[in-house]
Amino acid sequence: DNDIAWVTDKLACMSLDEKIGQLFMPVGLSSDEDELRNT
């Protein structure tokens, strides 16, 4: 029940853009921290 509450709470707090972002799994080809932070 606690796990499910975390899932539902996180989903409920997301904006449209945040939800869209959660659909993606990009690949990282660089260890540059500025680039990774921006992504």
PDB file of all heavy atoms in Angstrom:
ATOM      1  N   ASP A   1       0.834  -1.204   0.000  1.00  0.00           N
ATOM      2  CA  ASP A   1       0.000   0.000   0.000  1.00  0.00           C
ATOM      3  C   ASP A   1       0.870   1.255   0.000  1.00  0.00           C
ATOM      4  O   ASP A   1       0.551   2.244  -0.680  1.00  0.00           O
ATOM      5  CB  ASP A   1      -0.925   0.005   1.219  1.00  0.00           C
ATOM      6  CG  ASP A   1      -2.042  -1.030   1.108  1.00  0.00           C
ATOM      7  OD1 ASP A   1      -2.278  -1.518  -0.017  1.00  0.00           O
ATOM      8  OD2 ASP A   1      -2.652  -1.353   2.132  1.00  0.00           O
ATOM      9  N   ASN A   2       1.961   1.242   0.759  1.00  0.00           N
ATOM     10  CA  ASN A   2       2.842   2.412   0.809  1.00  0.00           C
ATOM     11  C   ASN A   2       3.531   2.643  -0.535  1.00  0.00           C
ATOM     12  O   ASN A   2       3.704   3.792  -0.967  1.00  0.00           O
ATOM     13  CB  ASN A   2       3.893   2.230   1.910  1.00  0.00           C
ATOM     14  CG  ASN A   2       3.300   2.362   3.298  1.00  0.00           C
ATOM     15  OD1 ASN A   2       2.245   2.989   3.481  1.00  0.00           O
ATOM     16  ND2 ASN A   2       3.956   1.787   4.286  1.00  0.00           N
ATOM     17  N   ASP A   3       3.920   1.544  -1.172  1.00  0.00           N
ATOM     18  CA  ASP A   3       4.530   1.666  -2.503  1.00  0.00           C
ATOM     19  C   ASP A   3       3.550   2.287  -3.492  1.00  0.00           C
ATOM     20  O   ASP A   3       3.902   3.193  -4.269  1.00  0.00           O
ATOM     21  CB  ASP A   3       4.963   0.297  -3.029  1.00  0.00           C
ATOM     22  CG  ASP A   3       6.030  -0.372  -2.182  1.00  0.00           C
ATOM     23  OD1 ASP A   3       6.830   0.354  -1.557  1.00  0.00           O
ATOM     24  OD2 ASP A   3       6.068  -1.617  -2.167  1.00  0.00           O
ATOM     25  N   ILE A   4       2.317   1.796  -3.453  1.00  0.00           N
ATOM     26  CA  ILE A   4       1.294   2.282  -4.379  1.00  0.00           C
ATOM     27  C   ILE A   4       0.994   3.754  -4.125  1.00  0.00           C
ATOM     28  O   ILE A   4       0.808   4.544  -5.063  1.00  0.00           O
ATOM     29  CB  ILE A   4       0.014   1.425  -4.262  1.00  0.00           C
ATOM     30  CG1 ILE A   4       0.304  -0.004  -4.753  1.00  0.00           C
ATOM     31  CG2 ILE A   4      -1.132   2.042  -5.060  1.00  0.00           C
ATOM     32  CD1 ILE A   4      -0.823  -0.987  -4.504  1.00  0.00           C
ATOM     33  N   ALA A   5       1.001   4.134  -2.855  1.00  0.00           N
ATOM     34  CA  ALA A   5       0.765   5.544  -2.515  1.00  0.00           C
ATOM     35  C   ALA A   5       1.851   6.430  -3.109  1.00  0.00           C
ATOM     36  O   ALA A   5       1.573   7.532  -3.608  1.00  0.00           O
ATOM     37  CB  ALA A   5       0.707   5.705  -0.994  1.00  0.00           C
ATOM     38  N   TRP A   6       3.099   5.957  -3.069  1.00  0.00           N
ATOM     39  CA  TRP A   6       4.198   6.734  -3.662  1.00  0.00           C
ATOM     40  C   TRP A   6       3.994   6.884  -5.158  1.00  0.00           C
ATOM     41  O   TRP A   6       4.187   7.979  -5.719  1.00  0.00           O
ATOM     42  CB  TRP A   6       5.533   6.041  -3.379  1.00  0.00           C
ATOM     43  CG  TRP A   6       6.712   6.748  -3.972  1.00  0.00           C
ATOM     44  CD1 TRP A   6       7.374   7.818  -3.448  1.00  0.00           C
ATOM     45  CD2 TRP A   6       7.377   6.430  -5.215  1.00  0.00           C
ATOM     46  NE1 TRP A   6       8.407   8.203  -4.275  1.00  0.00           N
ATOM     47  CE2 TRP A   6       8.436   7.369  -5.368  1.00  0.00           C
ATOM     48  CE3 TRP A   6       7.193   5.466  -6.192  1.00  0.00           C
ATOM     49  CZ2 TRP A   6       9.293   7.360  -6.473  1.00  0.00           C
ATOM     50  CZ3 TRP A   6       8.031   5.445  -7.290  1.00  0.00           C
ATOM     51  CH2 TRP A   6       9.066   6.388  -7.425  1.00  0.00           C
ATOM     52  N   VAL A   7       3.615   5.791  -5.823  1.00  0.00           N
ATOM     53  CA  VAL A   7       3.388   5.831  -7.278  1.00  0.00           C
ATOM     54  C   VAL A   7       2.287   6.824  -7.616  1.00  0.00           C
ATOM     55  O   VAL A   7       2.446   7.692  -8.497  1.00  0.00           O
ATOM     56  CB  VAL A   7       3.030   4.424  -7.810  1.00  0.00           C
ATOM     57  CG1 VAL A   7       2.564   4.508  -9.260  1.00  0.00           C
ATOM     58  CG2 VAL A   7       4.210   3.479  -7.679  1.00  0.00           C
ATOM     59  N   THR A   8       1.154   6.704  -6.954  1.00  0.00           N
ATOM     60  CA  THR A   8       0.014   7.568  -7.283  1.00  0.00           C
ATOM     61  C   THR A   8       0.305   9.030  -6.932  1.00  0.00           C
ATOM     62  O   THR A   8      -0.109   9.940  -7.662  1.00  0.00           O
ATOM     63  CB  THR A   8      -1.252   7.078  -6.566  1.00  0.00           C
ATOM     64  OG1 THR A   8      -1.003   6.989  -5.146  1.00  0.00           O
ATOM     65  CG2 THR A   8      -1.672   5.711  -7.079  1.00  0.00           C
ATOM     66  N   ASP A   9       0.996   9.262  -5.835  1.00  0.00           N
ATOM     67  CA  ASP A   9       1.321  10.644  -5.444  1.00  0.00           C
ATOM     68  C   ASP A   9       2.266  11.288  -6.456  1.00  0.00           C
ATOM     69  O   ASP A   9       2.094  12.461  -6.824  1.00  0.00           O
ATOM     70  CB  ASP A   9       1.964  10.674  -4.057  1.00  0.00           C
ATOM     71  CG  ASP A   9       0.962  10.382  -2.942  1.00  0.00           C
ATOM     72  OD1 ASP A   9      -0.253  10.395  -3.216  1.00  0.00           O
ATOM     73  OD2 ASP A   9       1.400  10.132  -1.802  1.00  0.00           O
ATOM     74  N   LYS A  10       3.274  10.558  -6.883  1.00  0.00           N
ATOM     75  CA  LYS A  10       4.223  11.110  -7.852  1.00  0.00           C
ATOM     76  C   LYS A  10       3.531  11.432  -9.165  1.00  0.00           C
ATOM     77  O   LYS A  10       3.771  12.487  -9.778  1.00  0.00           O
ATOM     78  CB  LYS A  10       5.378  10.132  -8.093  1.00  0.00           C
ATOM     79  CG  LYS A  10       6.385  10.037  -6.957  1.00  0.00           C
ATOM     80  CD  LYS A  10       7.099  11.365  -6.745  1.00  0.00           C
ATOM     81  CE  LYS A  10       8.105  11.295  -5.619  1.00  0.00           C
ATOM     82  NZ  LYS A  10       8.733  12.616  -5.340  1.00  0.00           N
ATOM     83  N   LEU A  11       2.672  10.533  -9.613  1.00  0.00           N
ATOM     84  CA  LEU A  11       1.960  10.761 -10.867  1.00  0.00           C
ATOM     85  C   LEU A  11       1.043  11.993 -10.752  1.00  0.00           C
ATOM     86  O   LEU A  11       0.989  12.822 -11.673  1.00  0.00           O
ATOM     87  CB  LEU A  11       1.136   9.533 -11.242  1.00  0.00           C
ATOM     88  CG  LEU A  11       0.313   9.639 -12.526  1.00  0.00           C
ATOM     89  CD1 LEU A  11       1.215   9.843 -13.746  1.00  0.00           C
ATOM     90  CD2 LEU A  11      -0.555   8.394 -12.713  1.00  0.00           C
ATOM     91  N   ALA A  12       0.368  12.118  -9.623  1.00  0.00           N
ATOM     92  CA  ALA A  12      -0.591  13.215  -9.447  1.00  0.00           C
ATOM     93  C   ALA A  12       0.093  14.577  -9.429  1.00  0.00           C
ATOM     94  O   ALA A  12      -0.527  15.595  -9.784  1.00  0.00           O
ATOM     95  CB  ALA A  12      -1.373  13.007  -8.152  1.00  0.00           C
ATOM     96  N   CYS A  13       1.357  14.609  -9.026  1.00  0.00           N
ATOM     97  CA  CYS A  13       2.075  15.888  -8.901  1.00  0.00           C
ATOM     98  C   CYS A  13       2.747  16.339 -10.198  1.00  0.00           C
ATOM     99  O   CYS A  13       3.322  17.441 -10.248  1.00  0.00           O
ATOM    100  CB  CYS A  13       3.130  15.781  -7.793  1.00  0.00           C
ATOM    101  SG  CYS A  13       2.428  15.611  -6.139  1.00  0.00           S
ATOM    102  N   MET A  14       2.714  15.511 -11.226  1.00  0.00           N
ATOM    103  CA  MET A  14       3.451  15.821 -12.452  1.00  0.00           C
ATOM    104  C   MET A  14       2.675  16.773 -13.362  1.00  0.00           C
ATOM    105  O   MET A  14       1.472  16.622 -13.552  1.00  0.00           O
ATOM    106  CB  MET A  14       3.760  14.545 -13.237  1.00  0.00           C
ATOM    107  CG  MET A  14       4.796  13.654 -12.606  1.00  0.00           C
ATOM    108  SD  MET A  14       5.103  12.199 -13.655  1.00  0.00           S
ATOM    109  CE  MET A  14       6.132  11.218 -12.557  1.00  0.00           C
ATOM    110  N   SER A  15       3.403  17.718 -13.948  1.00  0.00           N
ATOM    111  CA  SER A  15       2.844  18.562 -15.005  1.00  0.00           C
ATOM    112  C   SER A  15       2.821  17.766 -16.307  1.00  0.00           C
ATOM    113  O   SER A  15       3.376  16.656 -16.385  1.00  0.00           O
ATOM    114  CB  SER A  15       3.697  19.815 -15.187  1.00  0.00           C
ATOM    115  OG  SER A  15       4.990  19.459 -15.678  1.00  0.00           O
ATOM    116  N   LEU A  16       2.219  18.325 -17.336  1.00  0.00           N
ATOM    117  CA  LEU A  16       2.186  17.647 -18.627  1.00  0.00           C
ATOM    118  C   LEU A  16       3.605  17.402 -19.145  1.00  0.00           C
ATOM    119  O   LEU A  16       3.927  16.292 -19.597  1.00  0.00           O
ATOM    120  CB  LEU A  16       1.400  18.477 -19.646  1.00  0.00           C
ATOM    121  CG  LEU A  16       1.406  17.939 -21.084  1.00  0.00           C
ATOM    122  CD1 LEU A  16       0.807  16.537 -21.153  1.00  0.00           C
ATOM    123  CD2 LEU A  16       0.657  18.892 -22.018  1.00  0.00           C
ATOM    124  N   ASP A  17       4.454  18.415 -19.085  1.00  0.00           N
ATOM    125  CA  ASP A  17       5.821  18.253 -19.581  1.00  0.00           C
ATOM    126  C   ASP A  17       6.587  17.192 -18.780  1.00  0.00           C
ATOM    127  O   ASP A  17       7.384  16.429 -19.340  1.00  0.00           O
ATOM    128  CB  ASP A  17       6.576  19.586 -19.532  1.00  0.00           C
ATOM    129  CG  ASP A  17       6.220  20.486 -20.713  1.00  0.00           C
ATOM    130  OD1 ASP A  17       5.354  20.090 -21.520  1.00  0.00           O
ATOM    131  OD2 ASP A  17       6.798  21.584 -20.819  1.00  0.00           O
ATOM    132  N   GLU A  18       6.354  17.150 -17.478  1.00  0.00           N
ATOM    133  CA  GLU A  18       7.032  16.142 -16.652  1.00  0.00           C
ATOM    134  C   GLU A  18       6.548  14.750 -17.013  1.00  0.00           C
ATOM    135  O   GLU A  18       7.338  13.792 -17.032  1.00  0.00           O
ATOM    136  CB  GLU A  18       6.792  16.440 -15.175  1.00  0.00           C
ATOM    137  CG  GLU A  18       7.570  17.644 -14.675  1.00  0.00           C
ATOM    138  CD  GLU A  18       7.189  18.054 -13.267  1.00  0.00           C
ATOM    139  OE1 GLU A  18       6.022  17.817 -12.859  1.00  0.00           O
ATOM    140  OE2 GLU A  18       8.048  18.621 -12.572  1.00  0.00           O
ATOM    141  N   LYS A  19       5.273  14.625 -17.301  1.00  0.00           N
ATOM    142  CA  LYS A  19       4.750  13.319 -17.720  1.00  0.00           C
ATOM    143  C   LYS A  19       5.359  12.901 -19.049  1.00  0.00           C
ATOM    144  O   LYS A  19       5.751  11.735 -19.225  1.00  0.00           O
ATOM    145  CB  LYS A  19       3.227  13.365 -17.834  1.00  0.00           C
ATOM    146  CG  LYS A  19       2.505  13.401 -16.496  1.00  0.00           C
ATOM    147  CD  LYS A  19       0.992  13.368 -16.687  1.00  0.00           C
ATOM    148  CE  LYS A  19       0.277  13.309 -15.335  1.00  0.00           C
ATOM    149  NZ  LYS A  19      -1.196  13.226 -15.478  1.00  0.00           N
ATOM    150  N   ILE A  20       5.465  13.824 -19.975  1.00  0.00           N
ATOM    151  CA  ILE A  20       6.063  13.494 -21.271  1.00  0.00           C
ATOM    152  C   ILE A  20       7.507  13.053 -21.088  1.00  0.00           C
ATOM    153  O   ILE A  20       7.958  12.074 -21.690  1.00  0.00           O
ATOM    154  CB  ILE A  20       5.965  14.707 -22.229  1.00  0.00           C
ATOM    155  CG1 ILE A  20       4.503  14.983 -22.580  1.00  0.00           C
ATOM    156  CG2 ILE A  20       6.771  14.454 -23.511  1.00  0.00           C
ATOM    157  CD1 ILE A  20       4.282  16.267 -23.353  1.00  0.00           C
ATOM    158  N   GLY A  21       8.236  13.739 -20.237  1.00  0.00           N
ATOM    159  CA  GLY A  21       9.625  13.359 -19.986  1.00  0.00           C
ATOM    160  C   GLY A  21       9.761  11.949 -19.460  1.00  0.00           C
ATOM    161  O   GLY A  21      10.710  11.231 -19.806  1.00  0.00           O
ATOM    162  N   GLN A  22       8.788  11.515 -18.638  1.00  0.00           N
ATOM    163  CA  GLN A  22       8.845  10.174 -18.045  1.00  0.00           C
ATOM    164  C   GLN A  22       8.625   9.062 -19.064  1.00  0.00           C
ATOM    165  O   GLN A  22       8.801   7.886 -18.760  1.00  0.00           O
ATOM    166  CB  GLN A  22       7.806  10.052 -16.921  1.00  0.00           C
ATOM    167  CG  GLN A  22       8.183  10.767 -15.648  1.00  0.00           C
ATOM    168  CD  GLN A  22       9.378  10.137 -14.956  1.00  0.00           C
ATOM    169  OE1 GLN A  22       9.370   8.948 -14.639  1.00  0.00           O
ATOM    170  NE2 GLN A  22      10.418  10.922 -14.732  1.00  0.00           N
ATOM    171  N   LEU A  23       8.263   9.438 -20.279  1.00  0.00           N
ATOM    172  CA  LEU A  23       8.090   8.433 -21.336  1.00  0.00           C
ATOM    173  C   LEU A  23       9.403   8.124 -22.042  1.00  0.00           C
ATOM    174  O   LEU A  23       9.466   7.181 -22.838  1.00  0.00           O
ATOM    175  CB  LEU A  23       7.072   8.927 -22.371  1.00  0.00           C
ATOM    176  CG  LEU A  23       5.661   9.230 -21.844  1.00  0.00           C
ATOM    177  CD1 LEU A  23       4.810   9.855 -22.942  1.00  0.00           C
ATOM    178  CD2 LEU A  23       5.004   7.967 -21.299  1.00  0.00           C
ATOM    179  N   PHE A  24      10.450   8.880 -21.742  1.00  0.00           N
ATOM    180  CA  PHE A  24      11.705   8.759 -22.489  1.00  0.00           C
ATOM    181  C   PHE A  24      12.829   8.154 -21.658  1.00  0.00           C
ATOM    182  O   PHE A  24      12.923   8.366 -20.452  1.00  0.00           O
ATOM    183  CB  PHE A  24      12.150  10.128 -23.004  1.00  0.00           C
ATOM    184  CG  PHE A  24      11.297  10.664 -24.122  1.00  0.00           C
ATOM    185  CD1 PHE A  24      10.342  11.641 -23.875  1.00  0.00           C
ATOM    186  CD2 PHE A  24      11.440  10.185 -25.417  1.00  0.00           C
ATOM    187  CE1 PHE A  24       9.550  12.139 -24.893  1.00  0.00           C
ATOM    188  CE2 PHE A  24      10.656  10.674 -26.450  1.00  0.00           C
ATOM    189  CZ  PHE A  24       9.700  11.656 -26.192  1.00  0.00           C
ATOM    190  N   MET A  25      13.688   7.418 -22.376  1.00  0.00           N
ATOM    191  CA  MET A  25      14.899   6.826 -21.793  1.00  0.00           C
ATOM    192  C   MET A  25      16.039   7.107 -22.767  1.00  0.00           C
ATOM    193  O   MET A  25      16.346   6.307 -23.654  1.00  0.00           O
ATOM    194  CB  MET A  25      14.707   5.309 -21.627  1.00  0.00           C
ATOM    195  CG  MET A  25      15.862   4.608 -20.951  1.00  0.00           C
ATOM    196  SD  MET A  25      15.671   4.611 -19.174  1.00  0.00           S
ATOM    197  CE  MET A  25      17.103   3.621 -18.703  1.00  0.00           C
ATOM    198  N   PRO A  26      16.682   8.283 -22.653  1.00  0.00           N
ATOM    199  CA  PRO A  26      17.745   8.631 -23.604  1.00  0.00           C
ATOM    200  C   PRO A  26      19.046   7.887 -23.308  1.00  0.00           C
ATOM    201  O   PRO A  26      19.221   7.297 -22.243  1.00  0.00           O
ATOM    202  CB  PRO A  26      17.915  10.143 -23.405  1.00  0.00           C
ATOM    203  CG  PRO A  26      17.456  10.394 -22.010  1.00  0.00           C
ATOM    204  CD  PRO A  26      16.381   9.385 -21.731  1.00  0.00           C
ATOM    205  N   VAL A  27      19.966   7.938 -24.261  1.00  0.00           N
ATOM    206  CA  VAL A  27      21.287   7.343 -24.097  1.00  0.00           C
ATOM    207  C   VAL A  27      22.292   8.453 -23.857  1.00  0.00           C
ATOM    208  O   VAL A  27      22.184   9.543 -24.427  1.00  0.00           O
ATOM    209  CB  VAL A  27      21.691   6.513 -25.342  1.00  0.00           C
ATOM    210  CG1 VAL A  27      21.811   7.378 -26.579  1.00  0.00           C
ATOM    211  CG2 VAL A  27      22.971   5.734 -25.084  1.00  0.00           C
ATOM    212  N   GLY A  28      23.263   8.193 -22.982  1.00  0.00           N
ATOM    213  CA  GLY A  28      24.311   9.163 -22.705  1.00  0.00           C
ATOM    214  C   GLY A  28      25.618   8.742 -23.346  1.00  0.00           C
ATOM    215  O   GLY A  28      26.115   7.639 -23.086  1.00  0.00           O
ATOM    216  N   LEU A  29      26.153   9.574 -24.189  1.00  0.00           N
ATOM    217  CA  LEU A  29      27.409   9.261 -24.877  1.00  0.00           C
ATOM    218  C   LEU A  29      28.557  10.132 -24.384  1.00  0.00           C
ATOM    219  O   LEU A  29      29.670  10.039 -24.888  1.00  0.00           O
ATOM    220  CB  LEU A  29      27.240   9.436 -26.386  1.00  0.00           C
ATOM    221  CG  LEU A  29      26.207   8.512 -27.041  1.00  0.00           C
ATOM    222  CD1 LEU A  29      26.035   8.870 -28.504  1.00  0.00           C
ATOM    223  CD2 LEU A  29      26.623   7.055 -26.903  1.00  0.00           C
ATOM    224  N   SER A  30      28.279  10.965 -23.405  1.00  0.00           N
ATOM    225  CA  SER A  30      29.296  11.858 -22.874  1.00  0.00           C
ATOM    226  C   SER A  30      29.180  11.908 -21.358  1.00  0.00           C
ATOM    227  O   SER A  30      28.075  11.801 -20.804  1.00  0.00           O
ATOM    228  CB  SER A  30      29.125  13.274 -23.457  1.00  0.00           C
ATOM    229  OG  SER A  30      29.925  14.205 -22.763  1.00  0.00           O
ATOM    230  N   SER A  31      30.310  12.094 -20.675  1.00  0.00           N
ATOM    231  CA  SER A  31      30.289  12.246 -19.224  1.00  0.00           C
ATOM    232  C   SER A  31      30.339  13.711 -18.817  1.00  0.00           C
ATOM    233  O   SER A  31      30.499  14.026 -17.632  1.00  0.00           O
ATOM    234  CB  SER A  31      31.470  11.490 -18.606  1.00  0.00           C
ATOM    235  OG  SER A  31      32.693  11.959 -19.149  1.00  0.00           O
ATOM    236  N   ASP A  32      30.176  14.610 -19.776  1.00  0.00           N
ATOM    237  CA  ASP A  32      30.185  16.036 -19.489  1.00  0.00           C
ATOM    238  C   ASP A  32      29.006  16.384 -18.570  1.00  0.00           C
ATOM    239  O   ASP A  32      27.844  16.180 -18.929  1.00  0.00           O
ATOM    240  CB  ASP A  32      30.088  16.836 -20.789  1.00  0.00           C
ATOM    241  CG  ASP A  32      30.118  18.329 -20.547  1.00  0.00           C
ATOM    242  OD1 ASP A  32      31.213  18.873 -20.354  1.00  0.00           O
ATOM    243  OD2 ASP A  32      29.026  18.939 -20.533  1.00  0.00           O
ATOM    244  N   GLU A  33      29.305  16.913 -17.395  1.00  0.00           N
ATOM    245  CA  GLU A  33      28.268  17.134 -16.395  1.00  0.00           C
ATOM    246  C   GLU A  33      27.270  18.202 -16.807  1.00  0.00           C
ATOM    247  O   GLU A  33      26.077  18.094 -16.498  1.00  0.00           O
ATOM    248  CB  GLU A  33      28.908  17.462 -15.046  1.00  0.00           C
ATOM    249  CG  GLU A  33      29.639  16.276 -14.435  1.00  0.00           C
ATOM    250  CD  GLU A  33      30.066  16.507 -12.996  1.00  0.00           C
ATOM    251  OE1 GLU A  33      29.920  17.653 -12.503  1.00  0.00           O
ATOM    252  OE2 GLU A  33      30.534  15.547 -12.363  1.00  0.00           O
ATOM    253  N   ASP A  34      27.714  19.236 -17.479  1.00  0.00           N
ATOM    254  CA  ASP A  34      26.777  20.261 -17.936  1.00  0.00           C
ATOM    255  C   ASP A  34      25.762  19.679 -18.908  1.00  0.00           C
ATOM    256  O   ASP A  34      24.556  19.982 -18.845  1.00  0.00           O
ATOM    257  CB  ASP A  34      27.528  21.418 -18.596  1.00  0.00           C
ATOM    258  CG  ASP A  34      28.308  22.260 -17.591  1.00  0.00           C
ATOM    259  OD1 ASP A  34      27.960  22.232 -16.399  1.00  0.00           O
ATOM    260  OD2 ASP A  34      29.270  22.934 -18.008  1.00  0.00           O
ATOM    261  N   GLU A  35      26.253  18.840 -19.807  1.00  0.00           N
ATOM    262  CA  GLU A  35      25.363  18.210 -20.797  1.00  0.00           C
ATOM    263  C   GLU A  35      24.377  17.269 -20.116  1.00  0.00           C
ATOM    264  O   GLU A  35      23.184  17.267 -20.422  1.00  0.00           O
ATOM    265  CB  GLU A  35      26.208  17.454 -21.820  1.00  0.00           C
ATOM    266  CG  GLU A  35      25.406  16.772 -22.910  1.00  0.00           C
ATOM    267  CD  GLU A  35      26.284  16.043 -23.921  1.00  0.00           C
ATOM    268  OE1 GLU A  35      27.424  16.509 -24.152  1.00  0.00           O
ATOM    269  OE2 GLU A  35      25.843  15.009 -24.458  1.00  0.00           O
ATOM    270  N   LEU A  36      24.873  16.474 -19.179  1.00  0.00           N
ATOM    271  CA  LEU A  36      24.007  15.524 -18.485  1.00  0.00           C
ATOM    272  C   LEU A  36      22.981  16.247 -17.611  1.00  0.00           C
ATOM    273  O   LEU A  36      21.807  15.863 -17.577  1.00  0.00           O
ATOM    274  CB  LEU A  36      24.852  14.576 -17.642  1.00  0.00           C
ATOM    275  CG  LEU A  36      25.778  13.631 -18.414  1.00  0.00           C
ATOM    276  CD1 LEU A  36      26.702  12.891 -17.465  1.00  0.00           C
ATOM    277  CD2 LEU A  36      24.977  12.644 -19.254  1.00  0.00           C
ATOM    278  N   ARG A  37      23.423  17.292 -16.904  1.00  0.00           N
ATOM    279  CA  ARG A  37      22.503  18.052 -16.057  1.00  0.00           C
ATOM    280  C   ARG A  37      21.396  18.678 -16.903  1.00  0.00           C
ATOM    281  O   ARG A  37      20.215  18.659 -16.530  1.00  0.00           O
ATOM    282  CB  ARG A  37      23.245  19.145 -15.292  1.00  0.00           C
ATOM    283  CG  ARG A  37      22.318  19.952 -14.356  1.00  0.00           C
ATOM    284  CD  ARG A  37      23.016  21.149 -13.739  1.00  0.00           C
ATOM    285  NE  ARG A  37      24.062  20.743 -12.811  1.00  0.00           N
ATOM    286  CZ  ARG A  37      25.366  20.828 -13.059  1.00  0.00           C
ATOM    287  NH1 ARG A  37      25.785  21.323 -14.238  1.00  0.00           N
ATOM    288  NH2 ARG A  37      26.259  20.461 -12.171  1.00  0.00           N
ATOM    289  N   ASN A  38      21.758  19.213 -18.035  1.00  0.00           N
ATOM    290  CA  ASN A  38      20.769  19.832 -18.913  1.00  0.00           C
ATOM    291  C   ASN A  38      19.734  18.816 -19.384  1.00  0.00           C
ATOM    292  O   ASN A  38      18.537  19.106 -19.450  1.00  0.00           O
ATOM    293  CB  ASN A  38      21.469  20.470 -20.114  1.00  0.00           C
ATOM    294  CG  ASN A  38      20.488  21.140 -21.053  1.00  0.00           C
ATOM    295  OD1 ASN A  38      19.827  22.112 -20.702  1.00  0.00           O
ATOM    296  ND2 ASN A  38      20.374  20.599 -22.270  1.00  0.00           N
ATOM    297  N   THR A  39      20.202  17.603 -19.709  1.00  0.00           N
ATOM    298  CA  THR A  39      19.273  16.554 -20.161  1.00  0.00           C
ATOM    299  C   THR A  39      18.284  16.199 -19.066  1.00  0.00           C
ATOM    300  O   THR A  39      17.065  16.121 -19.300  1.00  0.00           O
ATOM    301  CB  THR A  39      20.054  15.300 -20.587  1.00  0.00           C
ATOM    302  OG1 THR A  39      20.902  15.622 -21.689  1.00  0.00           O
ATOM    303  CG2 THR A  39      19.108  14.177 -20.987  1.00  0.00           C
TER     304      THR A  39
END
